[in-house]
Amino acid sequence: MFRQSVYEAVKLMRRVDFDEIDIRILRMLQRDARTPFTYIAEQCNTSTDAIIRRFNKMKKKGIIAGSTILLDPKSLGYEHIASFSVDVQYPQMDDVIKSIQEIPEIIHCVPTIGRYRLFSIGFFKDFTRLSEVRDLIKSHPHVANLSANIWIGKVLLCPENFDLKLKE
């Protein structure tokens, strides 16, 4: 599950009765979900109790659904993160999803609406393996087309997207 972007949150806020303090609370907690309410209160020039009330109100409305830590895939030895957009005909979609999900480096594969029917993300220790996975997906008999994109810059993802294993 991916965190909601600030842009999406602001769009949501326009439909909900939010003010600048609510936005500041969300932005600070997005950067670090463990930010103390006392610090947030200081930054917003208000009381800690007011911040707690606002936080609880957003939680009750489902705007805040929890908190998590973020992992840096590169610190775990993954040099490349890539996304694959896959064009497949609908009747074979489940078969292609199953095949893609069996690839150990793939951490996420979901159907989409748009130019491509599937979107997947993978973590790779080297470029050679990334190329092999790309070719493997492309060679599936029901895959009509594939677009691969390598992510650059710092990427932080929720731990539930990782299959963490013990060293053997």
N, C-alpha and C. Protein backbone atom coordinates (compact mmCIF):
# COMPACT_ATOMS: atom_id res chain seq x y z
N MET A 1 0.85 -1.16 0.00
CA MET A 1 0.00 0.00 0.00
C MET A 1 0.90 1.22 0.00
N PHE A 2 0.55 2.19 -0.85
CA PHE A 2 1.37 3.39 -0.96
C PHE A 2 0.68 4.54 -0.25
N ARG A 3 1.52 5.39 0.40
CA ARG A 3 0.97 6.54 1.13
C ARG A 3 0.36 7.53 0.16
N GLN A 4 -0.66 8.22 0.61
CA GLN A 4 -1.33 9.23 -0.19
C GLN A 4 -0.40 10.43 -0.33
N SER A 5 -0.26 10.93 -1.55
CA SER A 5 0.62 12.08 -1.77
C SER A 5 0.02 13.35 -1.18
N VAL A 6 0.87 14.34 -0.98
CA VAL A 6 0.41 15.62 -0.44
C VAL A 6 -0.62 16.23 -1.38
N TYR A 7 -0.39 16.11 -2.69
CA TYR A 7 -1.32 16.67 -3.67
C TYR A 7 -2.71 16.04 -3.51
N GLU A 8 -2.76 14.70 -3.39
CA GLU A 8 -4.04 14.03 -3.22
C GLU A 8 -4.69 14.42 -1.91
N ALA A 9 -3.87 14.58 -0.87
CA ALA A 9 -4.40 14.98 0.44
C ALA A 9 -5.01 16.37 0.36
N VAL A 10 -4.35 17.28 -0.35
CA VAL A 10 -4.88 18.64 -0.47
C VAL A 10 -6.19 18.62 -1.25
N LYS A 11 -6.28 17.80 -2.30
CA LYS A 11 -7.54 17.68 -3.03
C LYS A 11 -8.64 17.19 -2.11
N LEU A 12 -8.33 16.21 -1.27
CA LEU A 12 -9.29 15.69 -0.32
C LEU A 12 -9.70 16.78 0.67
N MET A 13 -8.72 17.58 1.11
CA MET A 13 -8.99 18.62 2.09
C MET A 13 -9.95 19.68 1.55
N ARG A 14 -9.92 19.89 0.26
CA ARG A 14 -10.83 20.89 -0.32
C ARG A 14 -12.28 20.42 -0.20
N ARG A 15 -12.47 19.09 -0.12
CA ARG A 15 -13.82 18.55 0.02
C ARG A 15 -14.21 18.41 1.48
N VAL A 16 -13.23 18.50 2.37
CA VAL A 16 -13.46 18.38 3.80
C VAL A 16 -13.13 19.73 4.42
N ASP A 17 -13.69 20.00 5.56
CA ASP A 17 -13.47 21.28 6.22
C ASP A 17 -12.11 21.27 6.93
N PHE A 18 -11.04 21.65 6.19
CA PHE A 18 -9.69 21.70 6.72
C PHE A 18 -9.19 23.12 6.71
N ASP A 19 -8.20 23.37 7.55
CA ASP A 19 -7.54 24.67 7.51
C ASP A 19 -6.03 24.44 7.44
N GLU A 20 -5.28 25.53 7.50
CA GLU A 20 -3.83 25.47 7.36
C GLU A 20 -3.18 24.62 8.45
N ILE A 21 -3.71 24.65 9.66
CA ILE A 21 -3.13 23.84 10.75
C ILE A 21 -3.29 22.35 10.45
N ASP A 22 -4.46 21.94 9.95
CA ASP A 22 -4.65 20.54 9.59
C ASP A 22 -3.65 20.11 8.52
N ILE A 23 -3.44 20.96 7.54
CA ILE A 23 -2.49 20.66 6.47
C ILE A 23 -1.08 20.54 7.04
N ARG A 24 -0.71 21.43 7.93
CA ARG A 24 0.63 21.38 8.54
C ARG A 24 0.81 20.13 9.37
N ILE A 25 -0.23 19.73 10.10
CA ILE A 25 -0.16 18.50 10.89
C ILE A 25 0.10 17.31 9.96
N LEU A 26 -0.67 17.21 8.90
CA LEU A 26 -0.51 16.09 7.96
C LEU A 26 0.88 16.10 7.32
N ARG A 27 1.34 17.25 6.89
CA ARG A 27 2.67 17.32 6.25
C ARG A 27 3.77 16.90 7.20
N MET A 28 3.71 17.35 8.45
CA MET A 28 4.74 16.97 9.42
C MET A 28 4.70 15.47 9.70
N LEU A 29 3.50 14.92 9.82
CA LEU A 29 3.38 13.50 10.10
C LEU A 29 3.75 12.65 8.88
N GLN A 30 3.57 13.18 7.68
CA GLN A 30 4.00 12.46 6.48
C GLN A 30 5.53 12.35 6.44
N ARG A 31 6.20 13.40 6.86
CA ARG A 31 7.67 13.36 6.90
C ARG A 31 8.18 12.42 7.97
N ASP A 32 7.51 12.41 9.13
CA ASP A 32 7.91 11.52 10.23
C ASP A 32 6.68 11.29 11.10
N ALA A 33 6.12 10.10 11.00
CA ALA A 33 4.89 9.78 11.72
C ALA A 33 5.08 9.77 13.23
N ARG A 34 6.34 9.81 13.69
CA ARG A 34 6.62 9.81 15.14
C ARG A 34 6.87 11.22 15.67
N THR A 35 6.61 12.24 14.89
CA THR A 35 6.80 13.61 15.34
C THR A 35 5.92 13.86 16.57
N PRO A 36 6.52 14.31 17.66
CA PRO A 36 5.72 14.54 18.87
C PRO A 36 4.67 15.64 18.66
N PHE A 37 3.50 15.42 19.25
CA PHE A 37 2.45 16.43 19.16
C PHE A 37 2.89 17.76 19.77
N THR A 38 3.76 17.71 20.78
CA THR A 38 4.24 18.96 21.38
C THR A 38 5.04 19.78 20.36
N TYR A 39 5.85 19.10 19.54
CA TYR A 39 6.63 19.79 18.51
C TYR A 39 5.70 20.37 17.45
N ILE A 40 4.72 19.57 17.03
CA ILE A 40 3.76 20.05 16.02
C ILE A 40 3.02 21.27 16.55
N ALA A 41 2.63 21.22 17.82
CA ALA A 41 1.92 22.35 18.44
C ALA A 41 2.79 23.60 18.43
N GLU A 42 4.07 23.47 18.75
CA GLU A 42 4.99 24.62 18.72
C GLU A 42 5.07 25.21 17.32
N GLN A 43 5.18 24.34 16.32
CA GLN A 43 5.31 24.80 14.94
C GLN A 43 4.03 25.46 14.42
N CYS A 44 2.90 25.07 14.99
CA CYS A 44 1.60 25.62 14.57
C CYS A 44 1.11 26.74 15.48
N ASN A 45 1.92 27.09 16.48
CA ASN A 45 1.54 28.13 17.44
C ASN A 45 0.19 27.86 18.08
N THR A 46 0.02 26.64 18.56
CA THR A 46 -1.21 26.27 19.24
C THR A 46 -0.88 25.28 20.35
N SER A 47 -1.88 24.81 21.06
CA SER A 47 -1.65 23.90 22.19
C SER A 47 -1.53 22.45 21.71
N THR A 48 -0.88 21.66 22.53
CA THR A 48 -0.77 20.23 22.26
C THR A 48 -2.15 19.59 22.24
N ASP A 49 -3.02 20.00 23.16
CA ASP A 49 -4.38 19.46 23.20
C ASP A 49 -5.13 19.72 21.89
N ALA A 50 -4.93 20.92 21.32
CA ALA A 50 -5.60 21.26 20.06
C ALA A 50 -5.10 20.34 18.93
N ILE A 51 -3.80 20.06 18.92
CA ILE A 51 -3.24 19.18 17.89
C ILE A 51 -3.78 17.77 18.06
N ILE A 52 -3.84 17.29 19.30
CA ILE A 52 -4.37 15.94 19.56
C ILE A 52 -5.83 15.84 19.13
N ARG A 53 -6.63 16.87 19.44
CA ARG A 53 -8.05 16.87 19.02
C ARG A 53 -8.16 16.82 17.50
N ARG A 54 -7.37 17.65 16.81
CA ARG A 54 -7.41 17.67 15.35
C ARG A 54 -6.97 16.32 14.77
N PHE A 55 -5.89 15.75 15.34
CA PHE A 55 -5.40 14.46 14.88
C PHE A 55 -6.48 13.39 15.05
N ASN A 56 -7.10 13.33 16.22
CA ASN A 56 -8.15 12.34 16.49
C ASN A 56 -9.35 12.53 15.58
N LYS A 57 -9.69 13.78 15.27
CA LYS A 57 -10.80 14.06 14.36
C LYS A 57 -10.49 13.53 12.96
N MET A 58 -9.25 13.75 12.48
CA MET A 58 -8.86 13.26 11.16
C MET A 58 -8.81 11.73 11.15
N LYS A 59 -8.40 11.14 12.25
CA LYS A 59 -8.35 9.68 12.36
C LYS A 59 -9.77 9.11 12.34
N LYS A 60 -10.67 9.74 13.08
CA LYS A 60 -12.06 9.28 13.14
C LYS A 60 -12.73 9.35 11.76
N LYS A 61 -12.39 10.39 10.98
CA LYS A 61 -12.97 10.55 9.64
C LYS A 61 -12.31 9.62 8.61
N GLY A 62 -11.25 8.92 9.02
CA GLY A 62 -10.57 8.00 8.10
C GLY A 62 -9.52 8.66 7.23
N ILE A 63 -9.25 9.94 7.48
CA ILE A 63 -8.23 10.66 6.70
C ILE A 63 -6.85 10.14 7.07
N ILE A 64 -6.66 9.89 8.35
CA ILE A 64 -5.43 9.26 8.83
C ILE A 64 -5.79 7.83 9.19
N ALA A 65 -5.15 6.88 8.49
CA ALA A 65 -5.51 5.48 8.68
C ALA A 65 -4.48 4.70 9.48
N GLY A 66 -3.41 5.32 9.87
CA GLY A 66 -2.37 4.63 10.62
C GLY A 66 -1.04 5.32 10.41
N SER A 67 0.00 4.66 10.85
CA SER A 67 1.34 5.20 10.62
C SER A 67 2.26 4.03 10.32
N THR A 68 3.38 4.31 9.70
CA THR A 68 4.30 3.25 9.31
C THR A 68 5.72 3.78 9.26
N ILE A 69 6.65 2.87 9.12
CA ILE A 69 8.02 3.27 8.85
C ILE A 69 8.25 3.12 7.35
N LEU A 70 9.27 3.76 6.86
CA LEU A 70 9.62 3.64 5.45
C LEU A 70 11.01 3.04 5.34
N LEU A 71 11.18 2.17 4.37
CA LEU A 71 12.47 1.53 4.14
C LEU A 71 13.09 2.05 2.86
N ASP A 72 14.41 2.15 2.86
CA ASP A 72 15.16 2.55 1.68
C ASP A 72 15.69 1.28 1.02
N PRO A 73 15.14 0.89 -0.13
CA PRO A 73 15.55 -0.36 -0.78
C PRO A 73 17.05 -0.42 -1.07
N LYS A 74 17.67 0.72 -1.36
CA LYS A 74 19.11 0.72 -1.65
C LYS A 74 19.93 0.32 -0.43
N SER A 75 19.46 0.69 0.76
CA SER A 75 20.18 0.31 1.97
C SER A 75 20.08 -1.19 2.23
N LEU A 76 19.14 -1.86 1.58
CA LEU A 76 18.98 -3.30 1.71
C LEU A 76 19.66 -4.06 0.57
N GLY A 77 20.42 -3.33 -0.25
CA GLY A 77 21.19 -3.97 -1.32
C GLY A 77 20.53 -3.99 -2.68
N TYR A 78 19.39 -3.35 -2.83
CA TYR A 78 18.73 -3.29 -4.13
C TYR A 78 19.19 -2.04 -4.86
N GLU A 79 19.93 -2.23 -5.94
CA GLU A 79 20.50 -1.10 -6.67
C GLU A 79 19.50 -0.43 -7.61
N HIS A 80 18.52 -1.20 -8.07
CA HIS A 80 17.57 -0.67 -9.05
C HIS A 80 16.13 -0.99 -8.63
N ILE A 81 15.29 -0.01 -8.82
CA ILE A 81 13.85 -0.18 -8.65
C ILE A 81 13.25 0.14 -10.00
N ALA A 82 12.39 -0.75 -10.46
CA ALA A 82 11.80 -0.54 -11.79
C ALA A 82 10.30 -0.79 -11.73
N SER A 83 9.59 -0.09 -12.59
CA SER A 83 8.17 -0.36 -12.74
C SER A 83 7.94 -0.86 -14.16
N PHE A 84 7.00 -1.77 -14.27
CA PHE A 84 6.66 -2.36 -15.56
C PHE A 84 5.19 -2.12 -15.84
N SER A 85 4.90 -1.51 -16.96
CA SER A 85 3.52 -1.35 -17.43
C SER A 85 3.32 -2.40 -18.51
N VAL A 86 2.30 -3.23 -18.34
CA VAL A 86 2.12 -4.41 -19.19
C VAL A 86 0.78 -4.33 -19.90
N ASP A 87 0.82 -4.54 -21.22
CA ASP A 87 -0.40 -4.57 -22.02
C ASP A 87 -0.78 -6.03 -22.23
N VAL A 88 -1.96 -6.38 -21.77
CA VAL A 88 -2.46 -7.75 -21.86
C VAL A 88 -3.96 -7.69 -22.10
N GLN A 89 -4.49 -8.66 -22.84
CA GLN A 89 -5.93 -8.70 -23.07
C GLN A 89 -6.63 -9.18 -21.80
N TYR A 90 -7.82 -8.65 -21.55
CA TYR A 90 -8.53 -8.92 -20.30
C TYR A 90 -8.69 -10.40 -19.97
N PRO A 91 -9.11 -11.25 -20.89
CA PRO A 91 -9.35 -12.64 -20.48
C PRO A 91 -8.12 -13.34 -19.89
N GLN A 92 -6.93 -12.91 -20.25
CA GLN A 92 -5.71 -13.55 -19.77
C GLN A 92 -5.06 -12.79 -18.60
N MET A 93 -5.70 -11.75 -18.11
CA MET A 93 -5.09 -10.89 -17.10
C MET A 93 -4.70 -11.66 -15.84
N ASP A 94 -5.57 -12.50 -15.32
CA ASP A 94 -5.27 -13.24 -14.09
C ASP A 94 -4.06 -14.15 -14.28
N ASP A 95 -3.96 -14.77 -15.43
CA ASP A 95 -2.83 -15.66 -15.72
C ASP A 95 -1.51 -14.87 -15.74
N VAL A 96 -1.53 -13.69 -16.35
CA VAL A 96 -0.32 -12.87 -16.43
C VAL A 96 0.04 -12.33 -15.04
N ILE A 97 -0.96 -11.89 -14.28
CA ILE A 97 -0.69 -11.40 -12.91
C ILE A 97 -0.04 -12.51 -12.09
N LYS A 98 -0.59 -13.71 -12.16
CA LYS A 98 -0.03 -14.84 -11.41
C LYS A 98 1.43 -15.09 -11.81
N SER A 99 1.70 -15.07 -13.10
CA SER A 99 3.07 -15.30 -13.58
C SER A 99 4.02 -14.21 -13.09
N ILE A 100 3.59 -12.97 -13.14
CA ILE A 100 4.45 -11.85 -12.70
C ILE A 100 4.68 -11.94 -11.19
N GLN A 101 3.64 -12.25 -10.43
CA GLN A 101 3.77 -12.32 -8.98
C GLN A 101 4.70 -13.46 -8.53
N GLU A 102 4.92 -14.44 -9.37
CA GLU A 102 5.82 -15.55 -9.03
C GLU A 102 7.29 -15.16 -9.16
N ILE A 103 7.57 -14.03 -9.79
CA ILE A 103 8.95 -13.57 -9.93
C ILE A 103 9.38 -12.98 -8.59
N PRO A 104 10.44 -13.51 -7.98
CA PRO A 104 10.81 -13.10 -6.62
C PRO A 104 11.06 -11.60 -6.45
N GLU A 105 11.57 -10.93 -7.46
CA GLU A 105 11.89 -9.51 -7.34
C GLU A 105 10.67 -8.59 -7.44
N ILE A 106 9.56 -9.12 -7.93
CA ILE A 106 8.35 -8.30 -8.07
C ILE A 106 7.66 -8.19 -6.71
N ILE A 107 7.45 -6.95 -6.27
CA ILE A 107 6.83 -6.74 -4.97
C ILE A 107 5.37 -6.30 -5.06
N HIS A 108 4.95 -5.89 -6.25
CA HIS A 108 3.59 -5.34 -6.39
C HIS A 108 3.15 -5.53 -7.83
N CYS A 109 1.94 -6.03 -8.04
CA CYS A 109 1.38 -6.17 -9.38
C CYS A 109 -0.13 -5.99 -9.28
N VAL A 110 -0.64 -4.98 -9.99
CA VAL A 110 -2.07 -4.67 -9.90
C VAL A 110 -2.63 -4.35 -11.29
N PRO A 111 -3.92 -4.66 -11.50
CA PRO A 111 -4.57 -4.23 -12.74
C PRO A 111 -4.77 -2.72 -12.75
N THR A 112 -4.76 -2.14 -13.93
CA THR A 112 -4.97 -0.69 -14.08
C THR A 112 -5.94 -0.43 -15.22
N ILE A 113 -6.38 0.80 -15.30
CA ILE A 113 -7.19 1.24 -16.42
C ILE A 113 -6.38 2.30 -17.14
N GLY A 114 -6.27 2.18 -18.44
CA GLY A 114 -5.48 3.13 -19.21
C GLY A 114 -4.79 2.43 -20.37
N ARG A 115 -3.68 3.00 -20.80
CA ARG A 115 -2.95 2.45 -21.95
C ARG A 115 -2.47 1.03 -21.68
N TYR A 116 -2.04 0.77 -20.45
CA TYR A 116 -1.59 -0.56 -20.05
C TYR A 116 -2.56 -1.15 -19.05
N ARG A 117 -2.66 -2.47 -19.02
CA ARG A 117 -3.64 -3.14 -18.17
C ARG A 117 -3.08 -3.56 -16.81
N LEU A 118 -1.75 -3.68 -16.69
CA LEU A 118 -1.13 -4.08 -15.44
C LEU A 118 0.02 -3.16 -15.10
N PHE A 119 0.25 -2.98 -13.81
CA PHE A 119 1.38 -2.19 -13.33
C PHE A 119 2.08 -3.01 -12.26
N SER A 120 3.40 -3.13 -12.36
CA SER A 120 4.14 -3.87 -11.34
C SER A 120 5.42 -3.14 -11.00
N ILE A 121 5.93 -3.43 -9.80
CA ILE A 121 7.16 -2.82 -9.31
C ILE A 121 8.07 -3.94 -8.85
N GLY A 122 9.36 -3.78 -9.15
CA GLY A 122 10.33 -4.78 -8.72
C GLY A 122 11.59 -4.14 -8.18
N PHE A 123 12.27 -4.85 -7.28
CA PHE A 123 13.56 -4.43 -6.72
C PHE A 123 14.63 -5.38 -7.25
N PHE A 124 15.74 -4.81 -7.69
CA PHE A 124 16.76 -5.62 -8.34
C PHE A 124 18.15 -5.29 -7.80
N LYS A 125 18.93 -6.35 -7.55
CA LYS A 125 20.28 -6.18 -7.02
C LYS A 125 21.24 -5.70 -8.11
N ASP A 126 20.92 -6.02 -9.38
CA ASP A 126 21.78 -5.54 -10.47
C ASP A 126 20.96 -5.37 -11.74
N PHE A 127 21.56 -4.66 -12.69
CA PHE A 127 20.87 -4.33 -13.93
C PHE A 127 20.64 -5.57 -14.79
N THR A 128 21.54 -6.53 -14.71
CA THR A 128 21.39 -7.76 -15.49
C THR A 128 20.10 -8.47 -15.12
N ARG A 129 19.85 -8.60 -13.81
CA ARG A 129 18.63 -9.29 -13.37
C ARG A 129 17.39 -8.48 -13.75
N LEU A 130 17.47 -7.16 -13.68
CA LEU A 130 16.35 -6.32 -14.10
C LEU A 130 16.02 -6.61 -15.57
N SER A 131 17.04 -6.69 -16.41
CA SER A 131 16.84 -6.97 -17.84
C SER A 131 16.24 -8.36 -18.05
N GLU A 132 16.71 -9.33 -17.27
CA GLU A 132 16.18 -10.69 -17.38
C GLU A 132 14.70 -10.72 -17.03
N VAL A 133 14.31 -10.03 -15.97
CA VAL A 133 12.90 -10.00 -15.56
C VAL A 133 12.06 -9.29 -16.62
N ARG A 134 12.57 -8.19 -17.14
CA ARG A 134 11.85 -7.49 -18.21
C ARG A 134 11.61 -8.42 -19.39
N ASP A 135 12.65 -9.14 -19.81
CA ASP A 135 12.52 -10.07 -20.93
C ASP A 135 11.59 -11.22 -20.61
N LEU A 136 11.62 -11.70 -19.36
CA LEU A 136 10.74 -12.79 -18.94
C LEU A 136 9.28 -12.36 -19.03
N ILE A 137 8.97 -11.18 -18.52
CA ILE A 137 7.58 -10.69 -18.60
C ILE A 137 7.17 -10.49 -20.06
N LYS A 138 8.05 -9.90 -20.84
CA LYS A 138 7.75 -9.62 -22.25
C LYS A 138 7.53 -10.91 -23.05
N SER A 139 8.19 -12.00 -22.63
CA SER A 139 8.08 -13.26 -23.37
C SER A 139 6.81 -14.04 -23.05
N HIS A 140 6.05 -13.62 -22.04
CA HIS A 140 4.81 -14.32 -21.70
C HIS A 140 3.90 -14.29 -22.93
N PRO A 141 3.29 -15.41 -23.29
CA PRO A 141 2.50 -15.46 -24.54
C PRO A 141 1.32 -14.51 -24.59
N HIS A 142 0.82 -14.06 -23.44
CA HIS A 142 -0.34 -13.16 -23.45
C HIS A 142 0.04 -11.69 -23.28
N VAL A 143 1.33 -11.39 -23.18
CA VAL A 143 1.77 -10.00 -23.06
C VAL A 143 1.96 -9.43 -24.46
N ALA A 144 1.19 -8.37 -24.75
CA ALA A 144 1.27 -7.73 -26.07
C ALA A 144 2.37 -6.68 -26.13
N ASN A 145 2.58 -5.98 -25.01
CA ASN A 145 3.58 -4.90 -24.99
C ASN A 145 3.99 -4.66 -23.54
N LEU A 146 5.17 -4.08 -23.37
CA LEU A 146 5.68 -3.82 -22.04
C LEU A 146 6.50 -2.54 -22.08
N SER A 147 6.33 -1.72 -21.05
CA SER A 147 7.14 -0.52 -20.88
C SER A 147 7.81 -0.62 -19.52
N ALA A 148 9.14 -0.47 -19.50
CA ALA A 148 9.89 -0.55 -18.25
C ALA A 148 10.46 0.82 -17.93
N ASN A 149 10.41 1.19 -16.66
CA ASN A 149 10.97 2.45 -16.21
C ASN A 149 11.81 2.20 -14.97
N ILE A 150 13.03 2.71 -14.97
CA ILE A 150 13.90 2.60 -13.81
C ILE A 150 13.74 3.87 -13.00
N TRP A 151 13.50 3.71 -11.71
CA TRP A 151 13.31 4.85 -10.82
C TRP A 151 14.68 5.40 -10.42
N ILE A 152 14.78 6.71 -10.39
CA ILE A 152 16.02 7.35 -9.96
C ILE A 152 15.73 8.20 -8.73
N GLY A 153 16.78 8.56 -8.02
CA GLY A 153 16.58 9.35 -6.82
C GLY A 153 16.27 8.44 -5.64
N LYS A 154 16.04 9.05 -4.50
CA LYS A 154 15.77 8.30 -3.27
C LYS A 154 14.32 7.84 -3.27
N VAL A 155 14.12 6.57 -3.02
CA VAL A 155 12.79 5.99 -2.97
C VAL A 155 12.62 5.34 -1.61
N LEU A 156 11.55 5.71 -0.93
CA LEU A 156 11.22 5.11 0.37
C LEU A 156 9.86 4.43 0.24
N LEU A 157 9.78 3.20 0.67
CA LEU A 157 8.53 2.46 0.55
C LEU A 157 8.15 1.82 1.87
N CYS A 158 6.86 1.53 2.01
CA CYS A 158 6.35 0.89 3.22
C CYS A 158 6.87 -0.54 3.31
N PRO A 159 7.18 -1.01 4.53
CA PRO A 159 7.72 -2.36 4.70
C PRO A 159 6.81 -3.47 4.20
N GLU A 160 5.51 -3.24 4.17
CA GLU A 160 4.62 -4.30 3.72
C GLU A 160 4.84 -4.63 2.25
N ASN A 161 5.56 -3.75 1.52
CA ASN A 161 5.86 -4.00 0.12
C ASN A 161 7.12 -4.84 -0.07
N PHE A 162 7.81 -5.15 1.02
CA PHE A 162 9.04 -5.93 0.96
C PHE A 162 8.79 -7.34 1.45
N ASP A 163 9.44 -8.29 0.82
CA ASP A 163 9.45 -9.65 1.35
C ASP A 163 10.80 -9.83 2.01
N LEU A 164 10.88 -9.46 3.28
CA LEU A 164 12.14 -9.53 4.00
C LEU A 164 12.44 -10.98 4.37
N LYS A 165 13.66 -11.39 4.10
CA LYS A 165 14.08 -12.76 4.38
C LYS A 165 15.34 -12.74 5.24
N LEU A 166 15.52 -13.77 6.07
CA LEU A 166 16.72 -13.93 6.86
C LEU A 166 17.86 -14.38 5.97
N LYS A 167 19.08 -13.92 6.29
CA LYS A 167 20.26 -14.40 5.55
C LYS A 167 20.45 -15.87 5.83
N GLU A 168 20.82 -16.61 4.80
CA GLU A 168 21.06 -18.04 4.97
C GLU A 168 22.47 -18.32 5.35
